[in-house]
Structures are given as C-alpha cells and as structure tokens.
Amino acid sequence: MEAAASETATAQPALSARGVTVAMGGQTIVHEADLTLAHGRLLAVVGPNGAGKSTLVRAVSGIQRSSAGGIFWNGARLSSLKGRELALMRAFVPQRALVPGGVTVRDAVTIGRSVHIRPWQRPGSGDRLAIETAIDRTGVAALADRQLTTLSGGELQRVQIAVALAQDAPVLIADEPTSQLDLGATVAVAKLLRGLADDGFAVLVVVHDLSLAAAVADEVVVMSDGRTVACGTPPATLTRDLLSEVWGVQASLEVTDDERTALSVAWLDGEDRPVRAARDQEIDNDRNAYSVPGWEV
C-alpha cells in the first residue's frame, strides 16, 4: 500500500484520455470522450443511463477496445503496455463480479495478489502482508473465512475492493460500486473510496447518485449521449441548467459547509399536481361516504 501511495509524488496524471471513441456492434457508443485522473484525487463519471459511462471507463482501463483516441497511463500509451504492466498500474472493480462457490474471502483476496506471484510459486511474506493489509483496510477481517456466496451485497462489494487493493496498484477503478446497496452499505463504500484517495490513490468511479458524487468526488465528468459534456468540481459543474439539459429534470444540488449533500428534485411537473389533488379529494370523499359517527375509517 505504501508503494501505491508514494506515486502521488509525481506531477504526471495517473491517467489521461483524449478523444476516446468506442464502437460496438457497428454502433458508436462513446464519441471522442476526455478525462484526466490525478494521483490522490477521486474522479466520478456521472450521467444518465446509456450515456456510455461504463464503456468509457472500461476502455481507458484496457478492458474494452477503443477505436480512436489516446489513452495514457503515467505517460505510457495504453496500447504499448503488456497485461502485467497494466495490472501493476491499475486495479478494476467490475459492476457485477462473478461469485464462485467454495471460495472464501481470504482466497479471493489472495487471487487478487496473483499479479505479483509467479506460476507455481507460493505467496511470500510480502504477499501475505499485502493480502492482510487489504483485508484490514476494507473492514472484512471478520469475514475472512466466510465463503463469498454467504455475503450480503455490501460485504461483497468491500471484498471486491479488497481484491483490488491486494493488486497493489496506485489506481483503483470501480464501475458503479454502490449500485443496489442500501444506505448504510453505500456510505461505508463511499467512505472507503474517499479514504483511499486521501491516502494518495487515484480513484475513478462510475456512479448514478449525484449527491454521492458531490460528497466524495474532487471532480466529476458528465457524460451524455456518449460524449463528455462537462468536467469540474461537483458544485461548479452540476448546476441547475446542466441537470435540466442532461437529465431532463428540474433539480438543484445542495452542499452544506459540513459536506452534507442533497439533490432537490421537482418530482412532479405542474400538470401532474391537479391529477394528484383530484385523486386525494376522491379518496377523502370515499372516506366520508363510509364514515360512521364515533368510528374512524
């Protein structure tokens, strides 16, 4: 972990992507998208469903092939990096990981360390330390001997991050790490990712929750229709006008001095309110029609 955090000493971006284009099945999914990720920073990619967020992140991670553009890891072009070289630069937490039976948490985290262990070689003392450090850092030590299939969604997500940390790369990329998690699990994962960035890791996440992005991210990249349309700090970027333009809703992001965030949304348009009011009046009329003095309905 210390080796990963020491990467912050360089002024060169951990990741720089310019004009990235991705075509799949004859259709262009991402159009000339840009993003830059610095060491010790957390960058959130946000946007509506189908905007190309996950596709872009998978492309810059070297998982999805891009058809145009330049992607550079610590100044080295992605296409010039071999698999192991890239694995030592970044760890990727997928949106939906396979959960095999018969595998314990410690087994899974040990597998995450495999890039440092040669075939037929047993983990050395340094590897065992990295594995235990990853387990402790993510708060899953009490689950170490549990099988993956017995874990809750929040527990499994923290284990996935532990697997990534065991890789000992200076960059952590997570594709929708809080999707389908309850509030408590979401907060736990958010705090973990923010803490990693504070400790010097470069962290790139895809998220849908804009209030969460505003709470934990140093910068956000906004995607719409496969293009990056805005980038900057959350309060300066996620404006009323942009939320209306990209998401098609009347909403505003509120950030308090103590770093609490809330997204205020006009859930019902003006034309919807009379319908709701008429329905409520009809319910009241039905209650009155069946009420009996001395009885509450």
C-alpha atoms as a PDB file:
ATOM      1  CA  MET A   1       0.000   0.000   0.000  1.00  0.00           C
ATOM      2  CA  GLU A   2       2.798   2.394   0.807  1.00  0.00           C
ATOM      3  CA  ALA A   3       4.284   1.807  -2.629  1.00  0.00           C
ATOM      4  CA  ALA A   4       0.965   2.723  -4.197  1.00  0.00           C
ATOM      5  CA  ALA A   5       0.567   5.874  -2.148  1.00  0.00           C
ATOM      6  CA  SER A   6       4.094   7.002  -2.985  1.00  0.00           C
ATOM      7  CA  GLU A   7       3.008   7.506  -6.590  1.00  0.00           C
ATOM      8  CA  THR A   8       1.498  10.822  -5.523  1.00  0.00           C
ATOM      9  CA  ALA A   9       4.966  12.321  -5.664  1.00  0.00           C
ATOM     10  CA  THR A  10       4.740  12.561  -9.443  1.00  0.00           C
ATOM     11  CA  ALA A  11       3.041  15.522 -11.092  1.00  0.00           C
ATOM     12  CA  GLN A  12       2.157  13.449 -14.154  1.00  0.00           C
ATOM     13  CA  PRO A  13      -1.513  12.349 -14.297  1.00  0.00           C
ATOM     14  CA  ALA A  14      -2.127   8.738 -13.444  1.00  0.00           C
ATOM     15  CA  LEU A  15      -4.463   8.553 -16.421  1.00  0.00           C
ATOM     16  CA  SER A  16      -5.041  10.840 -19.375  1.00  0.00           C
ATOM     17  CA  ALA A  17      -7.572  10.084 -22.120  1.00  0.00           C
ATOM     18  CA  ARG A  18      -8.311  12.305 -25.100  1.00  0.00           C
ATOM     19  CA  GLY A  19     -10.770  11.799 -27.920  1.00  0.00           C
ATOM     20  CA  VAL A  20     -11.643   8.246 -26.909  1.00  0.00           C
ATOM     21  CA  THR A  21     -14.129   6.644 -29.274  1.00  0.00           C
ATOM     22  CA  VAL A  22     -15.635   3.185 -28.787  1.00  0.00           C
ATOM     23  CA  ALA A  23     -17.688   1.317 -31.383  1.00  0.00           C
ATOM     24  CA  MET A  24     -19.522  -1.924 -30.602  1.00  0.00           C
ATOM     25  CA  GLY A  25     -21.637  -3.975 -32.976  1.00  0.00           C
ATOM     26  CA  GLY A  26     -21.339  -1.367 -35.689  1.00  0.00           C
ATOM     27  CA  GLN A  27     -22.606   1.399 -33.392  1.00  0.00           C
ATOM     28  CA  THR A  28     -20.523   4.156 -31.827  1.00  0.00           C
ATOM     29  CA  ILE A  29     -21.148   4.115 -28.070  1.00  0.00           C
ATOM     30  CA  VAL A  30     -18.556   6.673 -26.951  1.00  0.00           C
ATOM     31  CA  HIS A  31     -17.703   9.722 -29.053  1.00  0.00           C
ATOM     32  CA  GLU A  32     -14.351  11.487 -28.547  1.00  0.00           C
ATOM     33  CA  ALA A  33     -14.554  11.457 -24.759  1.00  0.00           C
ATOM     34  CA  ASP A  34     -11.923  13.001 -22.470  1.00  0.00           C
ATOM     35  CA  LEU A  35     -10.905  12.567 -18.843  1.00  0.00           C
ATOM     36  CA  THR A  36      -7.868  13.104 -16.638  1.00  0.00           C
ATOM     37  CA  LEU A  37      -7.230  11.394 -13.304  1.00  0.00           C
ATOM     38  CA  ALA A  38      -4.574  12.652 -10.885  1.00  0.00           C
ATOM     39  CA  HIS A  39      -2.927  10.816  -8.017  1.00  0.00           C
ATOM     40  CA  GLY A  40      -4.593  11.494  -4.674  1.00  0.00           C
ATOM     41  CA  ARG A  41      -7.885  12.505  -6.320  1.00  0.00           C
ATOM     42  CA  LEU A  42     -11.276  10.893  -6.731  1.00  0.00           C
ATOM     43  CA  LEU A  43     -12.938  11.389 -10.110  1.00  0.00           C
ATOM     44  CA  ALA A  44     -16.592  10.394 -10.596  1.00  0.00           C
ATOM     45  CA  VAL A  45     -18.085   9.747 -14.011  1.00  0.00           C
ATOM     46  CA  VAL A  46     -21.812  10.539 -13.963  1.00  0.00           C
ATOM     47  CA  GLY A  47     -24.604  10.681 -16.492  1.00  0.00           C
ATOM     48  CA  PRO A  48     -27.973   9.172 -17.435  1.00  0.00           C
ATOM     49  CA  ASN A  49     -28.473   5.507 -18.234  1.00  0.00           C
ATOM     50  CA  GLY A  50     -26.980   4.646 -21.597  1.00  0.00           C
ATOM     51  CA  ALA A  51     -24.666   7.662 -21.633  1.00  0.00           C
ATOM     52  CA  GLY A  52     -21.581   5.482 -22.120  1.00  0.00           C
ATOM     53  CA  LYS A  53     -20.079   5.842 -18.654  1.00  0.00           C
ATOM     54  CA  SER A  54     -19.140   2.210 -18.063  1.00  0.00           C
ATOM     55  CA  THR A  55     -17.998   1.768 -21.651  1.00  0.00           C
ATOM     56  CA  LEU A  56     -15.632   4.729 -21.370  1.00  0.00           C
ATOM     57  CA  VAL A  57     -14.211   3.532 -18.060  1.00  0.00           C
ATOM     58  CA  ARG A  58     -13.729   0.012 -19.401  1.00  0.00           C
ATOM     59  CA  ALA A  59     -11.974   1.449 -22.454  1.00  0.00           C
ATOM     60  CA  VAL A  60      -9.494   3.555 -20.501  1.00  0.00           C
ATOM     61  CA  SER A  61      -8.906   0.534 -18.230  1.00  0.00           C
ATOM     62  CA  GLY A  62      -7.836  -1.546 -21.220  1.00  0.00           C
ATOM     63  CA  ILE A  63     -10.783  -3.944 -20.873  1.00  0.00           C
ATOM     64  CA  GLN A  64     -12.854  -2.621 -23.790  1.00  0.00           C
ATOM     65  CA  ARG A  65     -11.086  -1.874 -27.050  1.00  0.00           C
ATOM     66  CA  SER A  66     -11.295   1.731 -28.292  1.00  0.00           C
ATOM     67  CA  SER A  67     -11.437   2.592 -31.987  1.00  0.00           C
ATOM     68  CA  ALA A  68      -9.853   6.039 -31.751  1.00  0.00           C
ATOM     69  CA  GLY A  69      -8.231   8.430 -29.310  1.00  0.00           C
ATOM     70  CA  GLY A  70      -5.261   8.416 -26.989  1.00  0.00           C
ATOM     71  CA  ILE A  71      -5.147   6.722 -23.583  1.00  0.00           C
ATOM     72  CA  PHE A  72      -2.039   7.161 -21.450  1.00  0.00           C
ATOM     73  CA  TRP A  73      -1.134   5.570 -18.125  1.00  0.00           C
ATOM     74  CA  ASN A  74       1.602   7.526 -16.332  1.00  0.00           C
ATOM     75  CA  GLY A  75       2.578   8.876 -19.739  1.00  0.00           C
ATOM     76  CA  ALA A  76       2.770   5.450 -21.418  1.00  0.00           C
ATOM     77  CA  ARG A  77       0.336   4.744 -24.242  1.00  0.00           C
ATOM     78  CA  LEU A  78      -2.140   2.032 -23.254  1.00  0.00           C
ATOM     79  CA  SER A  79      -1.526   0.063 -26.449  1.00  0.00           C
ATOM     80  CA  SER A  80       2.169  -0.263 -25.559  1.00  0.00           C
ATOM     81  CA  LEU A  81       1.535  -1.848 -22.167  1.00  0.00           C
ATOM     82  CA  LYS A  82       1.523  -5.575 -21.606  1.00  0.00           C
ATOM     83  CA  GLY A  83      -1.108  -7.165 -19.388  1.00  0.00           C
ATOM     84  CA  ARG A  84       1.074  -7.425 -16.299  1.00  0.00           C
ATOM     85  CA  GLU A  85       2.401  -3.884 -16.730  1.00  0.00           C
ATOM     86  CA  LEU A  86      -1.144  -2.537 -16.848  1.00  0.00           C
ATOM     87  CA  ALA A  87      -2.197  -4.671 -13.869  1.00  0.00           C
ATOM     88  CA  LEU A  88       0.584  -3.085 -11.821  1.00  0.00           C
ATOM     89  CA  MET A  89      -0.778   0.369 -12.714  1.00  0.00           C
ATOM     90  CA  ARG A  90      -4.480  -0.064 -12.129  1.00  0.00           C
ATOM     91  CA  ALA A  91      -6.961  -2.379 -10.399  1.00  0.00           C
ATOM     92  CA  PHE A  92     -10.516  -2.705 -11.706  1.00  0.00           C
ATOM     93  CA  VAL A  93     -13.615  -3.468  -9.639  1.00  0.00           C
ATOM     94  CA  PRO A  94     -16.378  -4.625 -12.028  1.00  0.00           C
ATOM     95  CA  GLN A  95     -20.015  -3.723 -11.737  1.00  0.00           C
ATOM     96  CA  ARG A  96     -21.137  -7.333 -11.386  1.00  0.00           C
ATOM     97  CA  ALA A  97     -18.451  -9.755 -10.325  1.00  0.00           C
ATOM     98  CA  LEU A  98     -18.857 -13.499 -10.550  1.00  0.00           C
ATOM     99  CA  VAL A  99     -19.324 -15.127  -7.147  1.00  0.00           C
ATOM    100  CA  PRO A 100     -17.937 -18.673  -7.325  1.00  0.00           C
ATOM    101  CA  GLY A 101     -18.920 -21.264  -4.757  1.00  0.00           C
ATOM    102  CA  GLY A 102     -16.405 -22.727  -2.348  1.00  0.00           C
ATOM    103  CA  VAL A 103     -14.200 -19.614  -2.310  1.00  0.00           C
ATOM    104  CA  THR A 104     -13.554 -17.763   0.945  1.00  0.00           C
ATOM    105  CA  VAL A 105     -12.890 -14.062   1.314  1.00  0.00           C
ATOM    106  CA  ARG A 106      -9.197 -14.694   2.032  1.00  0.00           C
ATOM    107  CA  ASP A 107      -8.977 -16.953  -1.037  1.00  0.00           C
ATOM    108  CA  ALA A 108     -10.448 -14.233  -3.230  1.00  0.00           C
ATOM    109  CA  VAL A 109      -8.112 -11.536  -1.912  1.00  0.00           C
ATOM    110  CA  THR A 110      -5.171 -13.897  -2.408  1.00  0.00           C
ATOM    111  CA  ILE A 111      -6.208 -14.303  -6.050  1.00  0.00           C
ATOM    112  CA  GLY A 112      -6.107 -10.518  -6.344  1.00  0.00           C
ATOM    113  CA  ARG A 113      -2.440 -10.710  -5.407  1.00  0.00           C
ATOM    114  CA  SER A 114      -1.643 -13.140  -8.247  1.00  0.00           C
ATOM    115  CA  VAL A 115      -0.057 -10.492 -10.491  1.00  0.00           C
ATOM    116  CA  HIS A 116       2.868 -10.440  -8.025  1.00  0.00           C
ATOM    117  CA  ILE A 117       3.160 -14.227  -7.697  1.00  0.00           C
ATOM    118  CA  ARG A 118       4.763 -16.302 -10.417  1.00  0.00           C
ATOM    119  CA  PRO A 119       3.118 -19.539 -11.568  1.00  0.00           C
ATOM    120  CA  TRP A 120       3.622 -22.461  -9.152  1.00  0.00           C
ATOM    121  CA  GLN A 121       5.037 -20.056  -6.568  1.00  0.00           C
ATOM    122  CA  ARG A 122       3.574 -19.695  -3.098  1.00  0.00           C
ATOM    123  CA  PRO A 123       2.847 -16.235  -1.670  1.00  0.00           C
ATOM    124  CA  GLY A 124       5.854 -14.814   0.147  1.00  0.00           C
ATOM    125  CA  SER A 125       5.865 -12.774   3.351  1.00  0.00           C
ATOM    126  CA  GLY A 126       5.398  -9.547   1.408  1.00  0.00           C
ATOM    127  CA  ASP A 127       2.424 -11.002  -0.436  1.00  0.00           C
ATOM    128  CA  ARG A 128       0.824 -12.226   2.790  1.00  0.00           C
ATOM    129  CA  LEU A 129       1.275  -8.775   4.321  1.00  0.00           C
ATOM    130  CA  ALA A 130      -0.360  -7.124   1.295  1.00  0.00           C
ATOM    131  CA  ILE A 131      -3.285  -9.556   1.487  1.00  0.00           C
ATOM    132  CA  GLU A 132      -3.877  -8.963   5.200  1.00  0.00           C
ATOM    133  CA  THR A 133      -3.491  -5.215   4.762  1.00  0.00           C
ATOM    134  CA  ALA A 134      -6.138  -5.213   2.033  1.00  0.00           C
ATOM    135  CA  ILE A 135      -8.475  -7.272   4.211  1.00  0.00           C
ATOM    136  CA  ASP A 136      -7.986  -4.961   7.190  1.00  0.00           C
ATOM    137  CA  ARG A 137      -8.265  -1.768   5.140  1.00  0.00           C
ATOM    138  CA  THR A 138     -11.662  -2.733   3.763  1.00  0.00           C
ATOM    139  CA  GLY A 139     -13.017  -3.893   7.111  1.00  0.00           C
ATOM    140  CA  VAL A 140     -13.630  -7.509   6.111  1.00  0.00           C
ATOM    141  CA  ALA A 141     -11.259  -9.230   8.552  1.00  0.00           C
ATOM    142  CA  ALA A 142     -14.205 -10.746  10.424  1.00  0.00           C
ATOM    143  CA  LEU A 143     -15.412 -12.244   7.147  1.00  0.00           C
ATOM    144  CA  ALA A 144     -12.056 -13.663   6.046  1.00  0.00           C
ATOM    145  CA  ASP A 145     -13.076 -17.307   6.446  1.00  0.00           C
ATOM    146  CA  ARG A 146     -16.608 -16.879   5.109  1.00  0.00           C
ATOM    147  CA  GLN A 147     -17.498 -18.111   1.641  1.00  0.00           C
ATOM    148  CA  LEU A 148     -18.341 -15.421  -0.898  1.00  0.00           C
ATOM    149  CA  THR A 149     -21.776 -16.906  -1.521  1.00  0.00           C
ATOM    150  CA  THR A 150     -22.798 -16.175   2.098  1.00  0.00           C
ATOM    151  CA  LEU A 151     -22.098 -12.442   1.967  1.00  0.00           C
ATOM    152  CA  SER A 152     -24.509  -9.548   1.647  1.00  0.00           C
ATOM    153  CA  GLY A 153     -24.219  -7.101  -1.227  1.00  0.00           C
ATOM    154  CA  GLY A 154     -22.391  -4.511   0.862  1.00  0.00           C
ATOM    155  CA  GLU A 155     -19.991  -7.075   2.299  1.00  0.00           C
ATOM    156  CA  LEU A 156     -19.264  -8.495  -1.135  1.00  0.00           C
ATOM    157  CA  GLN A 157     -18.550  -5.043  -2.531  1.00  0.00           C
ATOM    158  CA  ARG A 158     -15.970  -4.371   0.169  1.00  0.00           C
ATOM    159  CA  VAL A 159     -14.394  -7.742  -0.565  1.00  0.00           C
ATOM    160  CA  GLN A 160     -14.143  -6.818  -4.247  1.00  0.00           C
ATOM    161  CA  ILE A 161     -12.308  -3.640  -3.268  1.00  0.00           C
ATOM    162  CA  ALA A 162     -10.014  -5.707  -1.032  1.00  0.00           C
ATOM    163  CA  VAL A 163      -9.227  -7.957  -4.013  1.00  0.00           C
ATOM    164  CA  ALA A 164      -8.323  -4.839  -5.994  1.00  0.00           C
ATOM    165  CA  LEU A 165      -6.154  -3.425  -3.213  1.00  0.00           C
ATOM    166  CA  ALA A 166      -4.200  -6.676  -2.942  1.00  0.00           C
ATOM    167  CA  GLN A 167      -3.109  -5.995  -6.510  1.00  0.00           C
ATOM    168  CA  ASP A 168      -1.126  -3.089  -5.025  1.00  0.00           C
ATOM    169  CA  ALA A 169      -1.724  -0.760  -7.976  1.00  0.00           C
ATOM    170  CA  PRO A 170      -1.732   3.021  -7.452  1.00  0.00           C
ATOM    171  CA  VAL A 171      -5.051   3.451  -9.291  1.00  0.00           C
ATOM    172  CA  LEU A 172      -8.409   1.951  -8.293  1.00  0.00           C
ATOM    173  CA  ILE A 173     -11.260   1.945 -10.798  1.00  0.00           C
ATOM    174  CA  ALA A 174     -14.755   0.930  -9.693  1.00  0.00           C
ATOM    175  CA  ASP A 175     -17.754   0.606 -12.008  1.00  0.00           C
ATOM    176  CA  GLU A 176     -20.903   1.545 -10.064  1.00  0.00           C
ATOM    177  CA  PRO A 177     -19.581   0.266  -6.709  1.00  0.00           C
ATOM    178  CA  THR A 178     -22.706   1.323  -4.792  1.00  0.00           C
ATOM    179  CA  SER A 179     -25.419   0.086  -7.152  1.00  0.00           C
ATOM    180  CA  GLN A 180     -28.102  -1.989  -5.400  1.00  0.00           C
ATOM    181  CA  LEU A 181     -26.625  -1.290  -1.963  1.00  0.00           C
ATOM    182  CA  ASP A 182     -28.662   0.015   0.951  1.00  0.00           C
ATOM    183  CA  LEU A 183     -27.902   3.371   2.528  1.00  0.00           C
ATOM    184  CA  GLY A 184     -25.568   2.069   5.229  1.00  0.00           C
ATOM    185  CA  ALA A 185     -23.545  -0.064   2.810  1.00  0.00           C
ATOM    186  CA  THR A 186     -23.370   2.815   0.337  1.00  0.00           C
ATOM    187  CA  VAL A 187     -21.956   5.141   2.984  1.00  0.00           C
ATOM    188  CA  ALA A 188     -19.397   2.530   4.046  1.00  0.00           C
ATOM    189  CA  VAL A 189     -18.145   2.031   0.480  1.00  0.00           C
ATOM    190  CA  ALA A 190     -18.128   5.775  -0.169  1.00  0.00           C
ATOM    191  CA  LYS A 191     -16.024   6.426   2.935  1.00  0.00           C
ATOM    192  CA  LEU A 192     -13.626   3.664   1.926  1.00  0.00           C
ATOM    193  CA  LEU A 193     -13.100   5.065  -1.573  1.00  0.00           C
ATOM    194  CA  ARG A 194     -12.712   8.619  -0.294  1.00  0.00           C
ATOM    195  CA  GLY A 195     -10.171   7.433   2.279  1.00  0.00           C
ATOM    196  CA  LEU A 196      -8.121   5.702  -0.416  1.00  0.00           C
ATOM    197  CA  ALA A 197      -7.939   8.927  -2.426  1.00  0.00           C
ATOM    198  CA  ASP A 198      -6.927  10.848   0.687  1.00  0.00           C
ATOM    199  CA  ASP A 199      -4.114   8.341   1.182  1.00  0.00           C
ATOM    200  CA  GLY A 200      -2.739   9.029  -2.298  1.00  0.00           C
ATOM    201  CA  PHE A 201      -4.510   6.568  -4.537  1.00  0.00           C
ATOM    202  CA  ALA A 202      -6.042   7.771  -7.789  1.00  0.00           C
ATOM    203  CA  VAL A 203      -9.679   6.648  -7.686  1.00  0.00           C
ATOM    204  CA  LEU A 204     -12.040   6.575 -10.672  1.00  0.00           C
ATOM    205  CA  VAL A 205     -15.676   5.599 -10.112  1.00  0.00           C
ATOM    206  CA  VAL A 206     -18.849   5.397 -12.126  1.00  0.00           C
ATOM    207  CA  VAL A 207     -21.879   6.441 -10.076  1.00  0.00           C
ATOM    208  CA  HIS A 208     -25.524   7.312 -10.671  1.00  0.00           C
ATOM    209  CA  ASP A 209     -26.169   9.057  -7.348  1.00  0.00           C
ATOM    210  CA  LEU A 210     -25.292  12.702  -7.915  1.00  0.00           C
ATOM    211  CA  SER A 211     -25.462  13.632  -4.234  1.00  0.00           C
ATOM    212  CA  LEU A 212     -22.994  10.824  -3.507  1.00  0.00           C
ATOM    213  CA  ALA A 213     -20.699  12.010  -6.302  1.00  0.00           C
ATOM    214  CA  ALA A 214     -20.814  15.535  -4.909  1.00  0.00           C
ATOM    215  CA  ALA A 215     -19.978  14.274  -1.413  1.00  0.00           C
ATOM    216  CA  VAL A 216     -16.913  12.170  -2.237  1.00  0.00           C
ATOM    217  CA  ALA A 217     -15.504  13.330  -5.583  1.00  0.00           C
ATOM    218  CA  ASP A 218     -12.905  16.016  -6.182  1.00  0.00           C
ATOM    219  CA  GLU A 219     -14.059  16.311  -9.782  1.00  0.00           C
ATOM    220  CA  VAL A 220     -16.879  14.916 -11.902  1.00  0.00           C
ATOM    221  CA  VAL A 221     -17.022  14.126 -15.594  1.00  0.00           C
ATOM    222  CA  VAL A 222     -20.545  14.355 -17.003  1.00  0.00           C
ATOM    223  CA  MET A 223     -21.478  12.156 -19.950  1.00  0.00           C
ATOM    224  CA  SER A 224     -24.475  12.446 -22.228  1.00  0.00           C
ATOM    225  CA  ASP A 225     -25.170  10.510 -25.429  1.00  0.00           C
ATOM    226  CA  GLY A 226     -21.678   9.029 -25.395  1.00  0.00           C
ATOM    227  CA  ARG A 227     -19.888  12.361 -25.046  1.00  0.00           C
ATOM    228  CA  THR A 228     -18.181  14.092 -22.139  1.00  0.00           C
ATOM    229  CA  VAL A 229     -20.104  17.353 -21.879  1.00  0.00           C
ATOM    230  CA  ALA A 230     -18.755  18.867 -18.652  1.00  0.00           C
ATOM    231  CA  CYS A 231     -15.936  18.451 -16.145  1.00  0.00           C
ATOM    232  CA  GLY A 232     -15.006  20.173 -12.900  1.00  0.00           C
ATOM    233  CA  THR A 233     -15.772  20.281  -9.210  1.00  0.00           C
ATOM    234  CA  PRO A 234     -19.255  18.975  -8.361  1.00  0.00           C
ATOM    235  CA  PRO A 235     -20.763  22.283  -7.139  1.00  0.00           C
ATOM    236  CA  ALA A 236     -19.453  24.213 -10.151  1.00  0.00           C
ATOM    237  CA  THR A 237     -20.391  21.518 -12.664  1.00  0.00           C
ATOM    238  CA  LEU A 238     -23.686  20.015 -11.513  1.00  0.00           C
ATOM    239  CA  THR A 239     -25.696  23.205 -11.964  1.00  0.00           C
ATOM    240  CA  ARG A 240     -29.451  23.561 -12.383  1.00  0.00           C
ATOM    241  CA  ASP A 241     -29.014  24.244 -16.090  1.00  0.00           C
ATOM    242  CA  LEU A 242     -26.819  21.191 -16.657  1.00  0.00           C
ATOM    243  CA  LEU A 243     -29.125  18.890 -14.671  1.00  0.00           C
ATOM    244  CA  SER A 244     -32.026  20.126 -16.785  1.00  0.00           C
ATOM    245  CA  GLU A 245     -30.122  19.745 -20.048  1.00  0.00           C
ATOM    246  CA  VAL A 246     -28.595  16.317 -19.408  1.00  0.00           C
ATOM    247  CA  TRP A 247     -31.161  14.572 -17.171  1.00  0.00           C
ATOM    248  CA  GLY A 248     -34.232  16.492 -18.279  1.00  0.00           C
ATOM    249  CA  VAL A 249     -35.341  17.338 -14.735  1.00  0.00           C
ATOM    250  CA  GLN A 250     -35.722  20.438 -12.623  1.00  0.00           C
ATOM    251  CA  ALA A 251     -33.259  19.848  -9.806  1.00  0.00           C
ATOM    252  CA  SER A 252     -30.555  21.514  -7.765  1.00  0.00           C
ATOM    253  CA  LEU A 253     -27.602  20.171  -5.835  1.00  0.00           C
ATOM    254  CA  GLU A 254     -27.135  21.451  -2.297  1.00  0.00           C
ATOM    255  CA  VAL A 255     -23.793  21.175  -0.487  1.00  0.00           C
ATOM    256  CA  THR A 256     -23.543  22.381   3.118  1.00  0.00           C
ATOM    257  CA  ASP A 257     -20.470  23.645   4.945  1.00  0.00           C
ATOM    258  CA  ASP A 258     -20.149  20.314   6.790  1.00  0.00           C
ATOM    259  CA  GLU A 259     -20.033  18.466   3.433  1.00  0.00           C
ATOM    260  CA  ARG A 260     -23.564  17.106   3.582  1.00  0.00           C
ATOM    261  CA  THR A 261     -25.170  16.860   0.155  1.00  0.00           C
ATOM    262  CA  ALA A 262     -28.722  16.654  -1.108  1.00  0.00           C
ATOM    263  CA  LEU A 263     -30.352  16.658  -4.511  1.00  0.00           C
ATOM    264  CA  SER A 264     -33.550  18.664  -4.535  1.00  0.00           C
ATOM    265  CA  VAL A 265     -35.780  17.381  -7.344  1.00  0.00           C
ATOM    266  CA  ALA A 266     -39.129  18.579  -8.693  1.00  0.00           C
ATOM    267  CA  TRP A 267     -40.555  15.064  -8.866  1.00  0.00           C
ATOM    268  CA  LEU A 268     -43.931  16.143 -10.249  1.00  0.00           C
ATOM    269  CA  ASP A 269     -44.465  18.645 -13.033  1.00  0.00           C
ATOM    270  CA  GLY A 270     -47.134  21.294 -12.535  1.00  0.00           C
ATOM    271  CA  GLU A 271     -49.517  19.416 -14.824  1.00  0.00           C
ATOM    272  CA  ASP A 272     -49.259  16.330 -12.583  1.00  0.00           C
ATOM    273  CA  ARG A 273     -50.351  18.091  -9.402  1.00  0.00           C
ATOM    274  CA  PRO A 274     -54.071  18.629 -10.270  1.00  0.00           C
ATOM    275  CA  VAL A 275     -54.384  14.902 -11.051  1.00  0.00           C
ATOM    276  CA  ARG A 276     -52.858  14.045  -7.688  1.00  0.00           C
ATOM    277  CA  ALA A 277     -55.050  16.598  -5.908  1.00  0.00           C
ATOM    278  CA  ALA A 278     -58.187  15.211  -7.578  1.00  0.00           C
ATOM    279  CA  ARG A 279     -57.219  11.673  -6.573  1.00  0.00           C
ATOM    280  CA  ASP A 280     -56.652  12.743  -2.961  1.00  0.00           C
ATOM    281  CA  GLN A 281     -60.049  14.512  -2.941  1.00  0.00           C
ATOM    282  CA  GLU A 282     -61.726  11.389  -4.300  1.00  0.00           C
ATOM    283  CA  ILE A 283     -60.169   9.313  -1.521  1.00  0.00           C
ATOM    284  CA  ASP A 284     -61.400  11.822   1.088  1.00  0.00           C
ATOM    285  CA  ASN A 285     -64.908  11.709  -0.376  1.00  0.00           C
ATOM    286  CA  ASP A 286     -64.911   7.899  -0.216  1.00  0.00           C
ATOM    287  CA  ARG A 287     -63.839   8.009   3.423  1.00  0.00           C
ATOM    288  CA  ASN A 288     -66.600  10.476   4.283  1.00  0.00           C
ATOM    289  CA  ALA A 289     -69.207   8.380   2.454  1.00  0.00           C
ATOM    290  CA  TYR A 290     -68.440   5.329   4.583  1.00  0.00           C
ATOM    291  CA  SER A 291     -67.752   7.075   7.888  1.00  0.00           C
ATOM    292  CA  VAL A 292     -69.911   6.374  10.924  1.00  0.00           C
ATOM    293  CA  PRO A 293     -70.125   8.793  13.854  1.00  0.00           C
ATOM    294  CA  GLY A 294     -67.819   7.594  16.589  1.00  0.00           C
ATOM    295  CA  TRP A 295     -65.830   5.403  14.192  1.00  0.00           C
ATOM    296  CA  GLU A 296     -62.607   6.193  12.469  1.00  0.00           C
ATOM    297  CA  VAL A 297     -62.115   4.820   8.968  1.00  0.00           C
END
